[in-house]
Amino acid sequence: MTQVPTELNLHRQSRVLEIAYPDGSRYSLPCEYLRVYSPSAEVQGHGPGQEVLQVGKEDVGIDRIEPVGNYAVCLHFDDEHNTGIYSWDYLYRLCTQQEQLWQTYLDHLEQTGYQRKSRPS
């Protein structure tokens, strides 16, 4: 069953998208996380094993959020990326699997030798 958010609140300064669901659960997803897991073909490729590791996205923000019908949103990032359609199901997966997916991303960065920039608080 599709989980449709009741709220999407973009916090531009902290670069976090806060998402609330009908069951009262709330998630805070960093823009970097949303960008590196964009569902676009540019990031995901056209099939399994074709994913493109995104690097240098520590400071990315979201300029705007655009509804796509009743089933998704398109996030317009300030690095000009805007081709990912985040379905409600995909967004919910990013919420509920955030810890695991984030660690996978960090592991992939480490394997390539890329070191993330630390962001000032």
N, C-alpha and C. Protein backbone atom coordinates (compact mmCIF):
# COMPACT_ATOMS: atom_id res chain seq x y z
N MET A 1 0.83 -1.18 0.00
CA MET A 1 0.00 0.00 0.00
C MET A 1 0.88 1.25 0.00
N THR A 2 0.60 2.17 -0.87
CA THR A 2 1.40 3.37 -1.01
C THR A 2 1.22 4.29 0.19
N GLN A 3 2.34 4.76 0.72
CA GLN A 3 2.35 5.72 1.81
C GLN A 3 2.47 7.12 1.21
N VAL A 4 1.43 7.91 1.31
CA VAL A 4 1.44 9.27 0.77
C VAL A 4 1.77 10.23 1.90
N PRO A 5 2.79 11.07 1.72
CA PRO A 5 3.15 12.02 2.78
C PRO A 5 2.02 13.02 3.05
N THR A 6 1.92 13.44 4.29
CA THR A 6 0.97 14.49 4.65
C THR A 6 1.65 15.86 4.62
N GLU A 7 2.98 15.87 4.72
CA GLU A 7 3.73 17.12 4.70
C GLU A 7 5.08 16.90 4.04
N LEU A 8 5.51 17.90 3.28
CA LEU A 8 6.88 17.99 2.78
C LEU A 8 7.35 19.39 3.14
N ASN A 9 8.31 19.51 4.03
CA ASN A 9 8.82 20.81 4.45
C ASN A 9 10.31 20.90 4.12
N LEU A 10 10.63 21.84 3.25
CA LEU A 10 12.01 22.04 2.86
C LEU A 10 12.65 23.08 3.78
N HIS A 11 13.73 22.69 4.42
CA HIS A 11 14.51 23.59 5.26
C HIS A 11 15.77 23.95 4.47
N ARG A 12 15.72 25.09 3.81
CA ARG A 12 16.79 25.47 2.88
C ARG A 12 18.13 25.67 3.57
N GLN A 13 18.13 26.33 4.71
CA GLN A 13 19.40 26.63 5.37
C GLN A 13 20.13 25.36 5.80
N SER A 14 19.40 24.42 6.38
CA SER A 14 20.03 23.17 6.84
C SER A 14 20.09 22.12 5.73
N ARG A 15 19.47 22.43 4.59
CA ARG A 15 19.45 21.52 3.43
C ARG A 15 18.86 20.16 3.80
N VAL A 16 17.67 20.22 4.37
CA VAL A 16 16.97 19.01 4.80
C VAL A 16 15.52 19.09 4.33
N LEU A 17 15.01 17.96 3.83
CA LEU A 17 13.61 17.84 3.50
C LEU A 17 12.95 16.99 4.58
N GLU A 18 12.01 17.59 5.28
CA GLU A 18 11.29 16.89 6.34
C GLU A 18 9.99 16.34 5.75
N ILE A 19 9.74 15.06 6.01
CA ILE A 19 8.58 14.39 5.44
C ILE A 19 7.78 13.76 6.58
N ALA A 20 6.46 14.02 6.58
CA ALA A 20 5.57 13.45 7.60
C ALA A 20 4.55 12.54 6.92
N TYR A 21 4.16 11.51 7.64
CA TYR A 21 3.19 10.53 7.14
C TYR A 21 1.98 10.44 8.07
N PRO A 22 0.87 9.91 7.54
CA PRO A 22 -0.37 9.84 8.33
C PRO A 22 -0.23 9.11 9.67
N ASP A 23 0.68 8.16 9.76
CA ASP A 23 0.84 7.41 11.01
C ASP A 23 1.62 8.18 12.08
N GLY A 24 2.00 9.44 11.76
CA GLY A 24 2.73 10.26 12.71
C GLY A 24 4.24 10.19 12.56
N SER A 25 4.73 9.31 11.71
CA SER A 25 6.17 9.21 11.52
C SER A 25 6.68 10.42 10.74
N ARG A 26 7.89 10.84 11.10
CA ARG A 26 8.54 11.98 10.45
C ARG A 26 9.97 11.59 10.12
N TYR A 27 10.43 12.05 8.99
CA TYR A 27 11.79 11.75 8.55
C TYR A 27 12.45 13.05 8.10
N SER A 28 13.74 13.15 8.34
CA SER A 28 14.53 14.28 7.89
C SER A 28 15.59 13.76 6.92
N LEU A 29 15.43 14.10 5.65
CA LEU A 29 16.34 13.61 4.62
C LEU A 29 17.20 14.75 4.10
N PRO A 30 18.53 14.63 4.26
CA PRO A 30 19.43 15.64 3.72
C PRO A 30 19.32 15.72 2.19
N CYS A 31 19.46 16.92 1.66
CA CYS A 31 19.41 17.10 0.20
C CYS A 31 20.47 16.26 -0.50
N GLU A 32 21.64 16.16 0.10
CA GLU A 32 22.70 15.34 -0.50
C GLU A 32 22.21 13.90 -0.68
N TYR A 33 21.59 13.36 0.34
CA TYR A 33 21.08 11.98 0.28
C TYR A 33 20.04 11.84 -0.83
N LEU A 34 19.11 12.78 -0.91
CA LEU A 34 18.10 12.73 -1.96
C LEU A 34 18.72 12.85 -3.34
N ARG A 35 19.76 13.67 -3.46
CA ARG A 35 20.41 13.87 -4.76
C ARG A 35 21.16 12.62 -5.20
N VAL A 36 21.91 12.00 -4.29
CA VAL A 36 22.73 10.85 -4.69
C VAL A 36 21.89 9.62 -4.93
N TYR A 37 20.65 9.62 -4.42
CA TYR A 37 19.72 8.51 -4.68
C TYR A 37 18.59 8.95 -5.61
N SER A 38 18.86 9.93 -6.44
CA SER A 38 17.85 10.35 -7.41
C SER A 38 17.42 9.15 -8.25
N PRO A 39 16.12 9.02 -8.51
CA PRO A 39 15.64 7.91 -9.33
C PRO A 39 15.86 8.13 -10.82
N SER A 40 16.54 9.18 -11.21
CA SER A 40 16.76 9.46 -12.62
C SER A 40 17.67 8.44 -13.28
N ALA A 41 17.54 8.29 -14.58
CA ALA A 41 18.41 7.39 -15.34
C ALA A 41 19.86 7.86 -15.28
N GLU A 42 20.05 9.16 -15.16
CA GLU A 42 21.41 9.72 -15.06
C GLU A 42 22.15 9.17 -13.84
N VAL A 43 21.42 8.88 -12.77
CA VAL A 43 22.01 8.35 -11.54
C VAL A 43 21.86 6.84 -11.47
N GLN A 44 20.67 6.34 -11.75
CA GLN A 44 20.38 4.91 -11.61
C GLN A 44 20.80 4.07 -12.80
N GLY A 45 21.07 4.71 -13.94
CA GLY A 45 21.36 3.95 -15.15
C GLY A 45 20.07 3.40 -15.73
N HIS A 46 20.22 2.52 -16.70
CA HIS A 46 19.05 1.94 -17.37
C HIS A 46 18.83 0.49 -17.00
N GLY A 47 19.52 0.03 -15.97
CA GLY A 47 19.35 -1.35 -15.52
C GLY A 47 20.27 -1.63 -14.35
N PRO A 48 20.09 -2.79 -13.72
CA PRO A 48 20.92 -3.15 -12.58
C PRO A 48 22.41 -3.12 -12.93
N GLY A 49 23.20 -2.58 -12.01
CA GLY A 49 24.64 -2.51 -12.22
C GLY A 49 25.10 -1.31 -13.03
N GLN A 50 24.17 -0.47 -13.46
CA GLN A 50 24.54 0.70 -14.27
C GLN A 50 24.47 2.01 -13.47
N GLU A 51 24.35 1.90 -12.16
CA GLU A 51 24.26 3.09 -11.32
C GLU A 51 25.55 3.91 -11.45
N VAL A 52 25.41 5.23 -11.36
CA VAL A 52 26.54 6.14 -11.45
C VAL A 52 26.73 6.79 -10.08
N LEU A 53 27.86 6.52 -9.44
CA LEU A 53 28.15 7.08 -8.13
C LEU A 53 28.23 8.60 -8.24
N GLN A 54 27.49 9.28 -7.41
CA GLN A 54 27.47 10.74 -7.39
C GLN A 54 28.47 11.24 -6.34
N VAL A 55 29.37 12.10 -6.74
CA VAL A 55 30.37 12.64 -5.80
C VAL A 55 30.28 14.16 -5.82
N GLY A 56 30.76 14.77 -4.75
CA GLY A 56 30.79 16.22 -4.67
C GLY A 56 29.43 16.86 -4.48
N LYS A 57 28.52 16.16 -3.85
CA LYS A 57 27.15 16.67 -3.67
C LYS A 57 26.89 17.13 -2.23
N GLU A 58 27.95 17.31 -1.45
CA GLU A 58 27.79 17.67 -0.04
C GLU A 58 27.02 18.98 0.17
N ASP A 59 27.18 19.92 -0.73
CA ASP A 59 26.57 21.24 -0.57
C ASP A 59 25.34 21.46 -1.42
N VAL A 60 24.82 20.41 -2.03
CA VAL A 60 23.66 20.57 -2.91
C VAL A 60 22.42 20.92 -2.09
N GLY A 61 21.59 21.74 -2.68
CA GLY A 61 20.33 22.10 -2.05
C GLY A 61 19.19 21.86 -3.03
N ILE A 62 17.99 22.07 -2.57
CA ILE A 62 16.80 21.94 -3.41
C ILE A 62 16.23 23.34 -3.61
N ASP A 63 16.04 23.71 -4.87
CA ASP A 63 15.45 25.02 -5.20
C ASP A 63 13.94 24.99 -5.10
N ARG A 64 13.34 23.90 -5.60
CA ARG A 64 11.88 23.81 -5.53
C ARG A 64 11.42 22.37 -5.65
N ILE A 65 10.19 22.16 -5.21
CA ILE A 65 9.56 20.84 -5.25
C ILE A 65 8.31 20.98 -6.10
N GLU A 66 8.22 20.15 -7.12
CA GLU A 66 7.10 20.24 -8.06
C GLU A 66 6.28 18.95 -8.01
N PRO A 67 4.96 19.06 -7.79
CA PRO A 67 4.13 17.86 -7.79
C PRO A 67 4.09 17.22 -9.18
N VAL A 68 4.01 15.91 -9.21
CA VAL A 68 3.84 15.16 -10.46
C VAL A 68 2.58 14.33 -10.27
N GLY A 69 1.48 14.81 -10.82
CA GLY A 69 0.20 14.13 -10.62
C GLY A 69 -0.10 13.96 -9.14
N ASN A 70 -0.72 12.84 -8.81
CA ASN A 70 -1.03 12.51 -7.41
C ASN A 70 -0.11 11.44 -6.87
N TYR A 71 0.99 11.17 -7.57
CA TYR A 71 1.80 10.01 -7.22
C TYR A 71 3.27 10.29 -6.95
N ALA A 72 3.73 11.54 -7.13
CA ALA A 72 5.16 11.78 -7.03
C ALA A 72 5.47 13.27 -6.93
N VAL A 73 6.76 13.56 -6.72
CA VAL A 73 7.27 14.93 -6.81
C VAL A 73 8.57 14.90 -7.62
N CYS A 74 8.85 16.03 -8.22
CA CYS A 74 10.14 16.23 -8.89
C CYS A 74 10.90 17.24 -8.05
N LEU A 75 12.11 16.88 -7.64
CA LEU A 75 12.95 17.77 -6.85
C LEU A 75 13.90 18.49 -7.79
N HIS A 76 13.90 19.80 -7.73
CA HIS A 76 14.79 20.62 -8.56
C HIS A 76 15.97 21.04 -7.68
N PHE A 77 17.11 20.41 -7.93
CA PHE A 77 18.31 20.68 -7.13
C PHE A 77 19.05 21.88 -7.69
N ASP A 78 19.82 22.55 -6.83
CA ASP A 78 20.53 23.75 -7.27
C ASP A 78 21.78 23.45 -8.10
N ASP A 79 22.07 22.17 -8.35
CA ASP A 79 23.15 21.82 -9.29
C ASP A 79 22.58 21.54 -10.68
N GLU A 80 21.34 21.98 -10.89
CA GLU A 80 20.62 21.85 -12.17
C GLU A 80 20.03 20.46 -12.41
N HIS A 81 20.17 19.54 -11.49
CA HIS A 81 19.59 18.21 -11.67
C HIS A 81 18.10 18.28 -11.32
N ASN A 82 17.26 17.82 -12.26
CA ASN A 82 15.81 17.86 -12.01
C ASN A 82 15.06 16.79 -12.80
N THR A 83 15.74 15.71 -13.14
CA THR A 83 15.09 14.70 -13.97
C THR A 83 14.59 13.49 -13.19
N GLY A 84 14.75 13.49 -11.89
CA GLY A 84 14.27 12.36 -11.09
C GLY A 84 12.84 12.56 -10.64
N ILE A 85 12.00 11.58 -10.86
CA ILE A 85 10.62 11.61 -10.38
C ILE A 85 10.56 10.71 -9.14
N TYR A 86 10.36 11.33 -7.99
CA TYR A 86 10.33 10.61 -6.72
C TYR A 86 8.89 10.18 -6.44
N SER A 87 8.57 8.94 -6.79
CA SER A 87 7.23 8.42 -6.51
C SER A 87 7.06 8.33 -5.00
N TRP A 88 5.81 8.29 -4.55
CA TRP A 88 5.57 8.17 -3.11
C TRP A 88 6.21 6.90 -2.56
N ASP A 89 6.13 5.81 -3.31
CA ASP A 89 6.74 4.55 -2.84
C ASP A 89 8.25 4.68 -2.72
N TYR A 90 8.89 5.31 -3.73
CA TYR A 90 10.34 5.46 -3.70
C TYR A 90 10.76 6.38 -2.55
N LEU A 91 10.03 7.47 -2.36
CA LEU A 91 10.35 8.40 -1.28
C LEU A 91 10.21 7.72 0.08
N TYR A 92 9.18 6.91 0.24
CA TYR A 92 8.98 6.19 1.49
C TYR A 92 10.13 5.20 1.73
N ARG A 93 10.58 4.56 0.67
CA ARG A 93 11.73 3.65 0.79
C ARG A 93 12.97 4.42 1.24
N LEU A 94 13.19 5.61 0.66
CA LEU A 94 14.34 6.42 1.07
C LEU A 94 14.23 6.80 2.54
N CYS A 95 13.01 7.03 3.00
CA CYS A 95 12.80 7.36 4.42
C CYS A 95 13.10 6.17 5.31
N THR A 96 12.47 5.06 5.03
CA THR A 96 12.54 3.91 5.94
C THR A 96 13.86 3.16 5.87
N GLN A 97 14.61 3.34 4.79
CA GLN A 97 15.89 2.65 4.65
C GLN A 97 17.07 3.62 4.65
N GLN A 98 16.85 4.81 5.20
CA GLN A 98 17.86 5.86 5.15
C GLN A 98 19.20 5.43 5.72
N GLU A 99 19.20 4.86 6.90
CA GLU A 99 20.47 4.49 7.54
C GLU A 99 21.26 3.51 6.68
N GLN A 100 20.61 2.48 6.20
CA GLN A 100 21.27 1.45 5.38
C GLN A 100 21.74 2.03 4.04
N LEU A 101 20.87 2.79 3.37
CA LEU A 101 21.24 3.35 2.07
C LEU A 101 22.38 4.36 2.20
N TRP A 102 22.34 5.19 3.24
CA TRP A 102 23.39 6.18 3.44
C TRP A 102 24.73 5.48 3.66
N GLN A 103 24.73 4.42 4.47
CA GLN A 103 25.97 3.69 4.72
C GLN A 103 26.50 3.06 3.44
N THR A 104 25.61 2.53 2.62
CA THR A 104 26.02 1.96 1.33
C THR A 104 26.70 3.02 0.48
N TYR A 105 26.11 4.21 0.44
CA TYR A 105 26.69 5.32 -0.31
C TYR A 105 28.09 5.67 0.21
N LEU A 106 28.21 5.80 1.54
CA LEU A 106 29.52 6.13 2.13
C LEU A 106 30.55 5.04 1.83
N ASP A 107 30.13 3.79 1.87
CA ASP A 107 31.03 2.68 1.55
C ASP A 107 31.51 2.77 0.11
N HIS A 108 30.61 3.09 -0.81
CA HIS A 108 31.00 3.22 -2.23
C HIS A 108 31.98 4.37 -2.43
N LEU A 109 31.73 5.48 -1.73
CA LEU A 109 32.67 6.60 -1.82
C LEU A 109 34.05 6.18 -1.33
N GLU A 110 34.08 5.48 -0.21
CA GLU A 110 35.35 5.03 0.36
C GLU A 110 36.09 4.10 -0.59
N GLN A 111 35.36 3.21 -1.24
CA GLN A 111 35.97 2.26 -2.18
C GLN A 111 36.63 2.98 -3.35
N THR A 112 36.10 4.15 -3.72
CA THR A 112 36.69 4.89 -4.84
C THR A 112 37.79 5.84 -4.38
N GLY A 113 37.95 5.99 -3.06
CA GLY A 113 38.97 6.88 -2.53
C GLY A 113 38.49 8.32 -2.37
N TYR A 114 37.21 8.57 -2.64
CA TYR A 114 36.68 9.93 -2.50
C TYR A 114 36.44 10.23 -1.03
N GLN A 115 36.86 11.44 -0.61
CA GLN A 115 36.63 11.86 0.76
C GLN A 115 35.64 13.02 0.75
N ARG A 116 34.53 12.83 1.45
CA ARG A 116 33.52 13.87 1.51
C ARG A 116 34.06 15.10 2.23
N LYS A 117 33.63 16.28 1.75
CA LYS A 117 33.94 17.52 2.44
C LYS A 117 33.04 17.60 3.67
N SER A 118 33.59 18.06 4.77
CA SER A 118 32.72 18.26 5.93
C SER A 118 32.05 19.62 5.77
N ARG A 119 30.79 19.66 6.07
CA ARG A 119 30.02 20.88 5.96
C ARG A 119 30.10 21.65 7.26
N PRO A 120 30.25 22.97 7.17
CA PRO A 120 30.22 23.76 8.41
C PRO A 120 28.85 23.67 9.04
N SER A 121 28.81 23.69 10.36
CA SER A 121 27.53 23.60 11.08
C SER A 121 26.89 24.95 11.21
